[in-house]
């Protein structure tokens, strides 16, 4: 089975997304417990990182879609 190289980025992000959410949530709670971040700053950072992940999904998808429409790789 052969995969198209352009889709590997999106598949990689999609497969790592659930574990990244769990790790970021765990890390955020640990940093809040150790009082490195306040509760508000820690969870705000968590949400920003989550939106960054979603932004990357959308960005890579549109880049791949645009390349596919004009016939180039």
Protein backbone atom coordinates (compact mmCIF):
# COMPACT_ATOMS: atom_id res chain seq x y z
CA UNK A 1 0.00 0.00 0.00
CA UNK A 2 1.36 3.39 -1.00
CA UNK A 3 0.33 6.69 0.56
CA UNK A 4 0.38 10.05 -1.12
CA UNK A 5 3.00 12.16 0.58
CA UNK A 6 0.82 15.27 0.68
CA UNK A 7 -1.76 13.57 2.93
CA UNK A 8 0.73 12.27 5.49
CA UNK A 9 0.88 15.62 7.32
CA UNK A 10 -2.87 15.69 7.86
CA UNK A 11 -3.07 12.03 8.85
CA UNK A 12 -0.19 12.55 11.29
CA UNK A 13 -1.91 15.54 12.88
CA UNK A 14 -5.23 13.72 13.07
CA UNK A 15 -3.72 10.68 14.77
CA UNK A 16 -1.73 12.73 17.27
CA UNK A 17 -4.60 15.11 18.12
CA UNK A 18 -6.30 13.08 20.90
CA UNK A 19 -3.05 12.26 22.68
CA UNK A 20 -1.90 15.87 22.33
CA UNK A 21 -5.11 17.09 24.00
CA UNK A 22 -4.64 14.67 26.89
CA UNK A 23 -0.97 15.56 27.32
CA UNK A 24 -1.64 19.31 27.17
CA UNK A 25 -4.49 19.03 29.68
CA UNK A 26 -2.35 16.94 32.06
CA UNK A 27 0.61 19.30 31.66
CA UNK A 28 -1.57 22.34 32.24
CA UNK A 29 -3.03 20.92 35.47
CA UNK A 30 0.46 20.00 36.71
CA UNK A 31 1.80 23.50 36.00
CA UNK A 32 -1.20 25.00 37.79
CA UNK A 33 -0.66 22.68 40.80
CA UNK A 34 3.02 23.67 40.98
CA UNK A 35 1.86 27.31 40.84
CA UNK A 36 3.98 28.10 37.78
CA UNK A 37 0.90 29.43 36.01
CA UNK A 38 -2.27 30.81 37.48
CA UNK A 39 -5.44 28.90 36.63
CA UNK A 40 -6.56 31.56 34.17
CA UNK A 41 -3.21 31.76 32.34
CA UNK A 42 -2.78 27.98 32.20
CA UNK A 43 -6.18 27.22 30.69
CA UNK A 44 -5.94 30.19 28.33
CA UNK A 45 -2.65 28.78 27.04
CA UNK A 46 -4.29 25.36 26.66
CA UNK A 47 -7.13 26.80 24.57
CA UNK A 48 -4.71 28.78 22.40
CA UNK A 49 -2.70 25.62 21.67
CA UNK A 50 -5.91 23.75 20.87
CA UNK A 51 -6.99 26.41 18.36
CA UNK A 52 -3.49 26.33 16.84
CA UNK A 53 -3.89 22.58 16.21
CA UNK A 54 -7.26 23.13 14.51
CA UNK A 55 -5.82 26.00 12.46
CA UNK A 56 -3.05 23.69 11.20
CA UNK A 57 -5.64 21.10 10.15
CA UNK A 58 -7.56 23.65 8.12
CA UNK A 59 -4.44 25.26 6.65
CA UNK A 60 -2.89 22.00 5.46
CA UNK A 61 -6.22 20.83 4.06
CA UNK A 62 -6.69 23.98 1.99
CA UNK A 63 -3.09 23.89 0.77
CA UNK A 64 -3.54 20.29 -0.40
CA UNK A 65 -6.95 21.05 -1.94
CA UNK A 66 -5.58 24.06 -3.81
CA UNK A 67 -2.62 22.06 -5.17
CA UNK A 68 -4.99 19.32 -6.31
CA UNK A 69 -7.30 21.69 -8.18
CA UNK A 70 -4.63 23.30 -10.32
CA UNK A 71 -3.09 19.95 -11.25
CA UNK A 72 0.28 20.43 -9.59
CA UNK A 73 1.74 18.30 -6.80
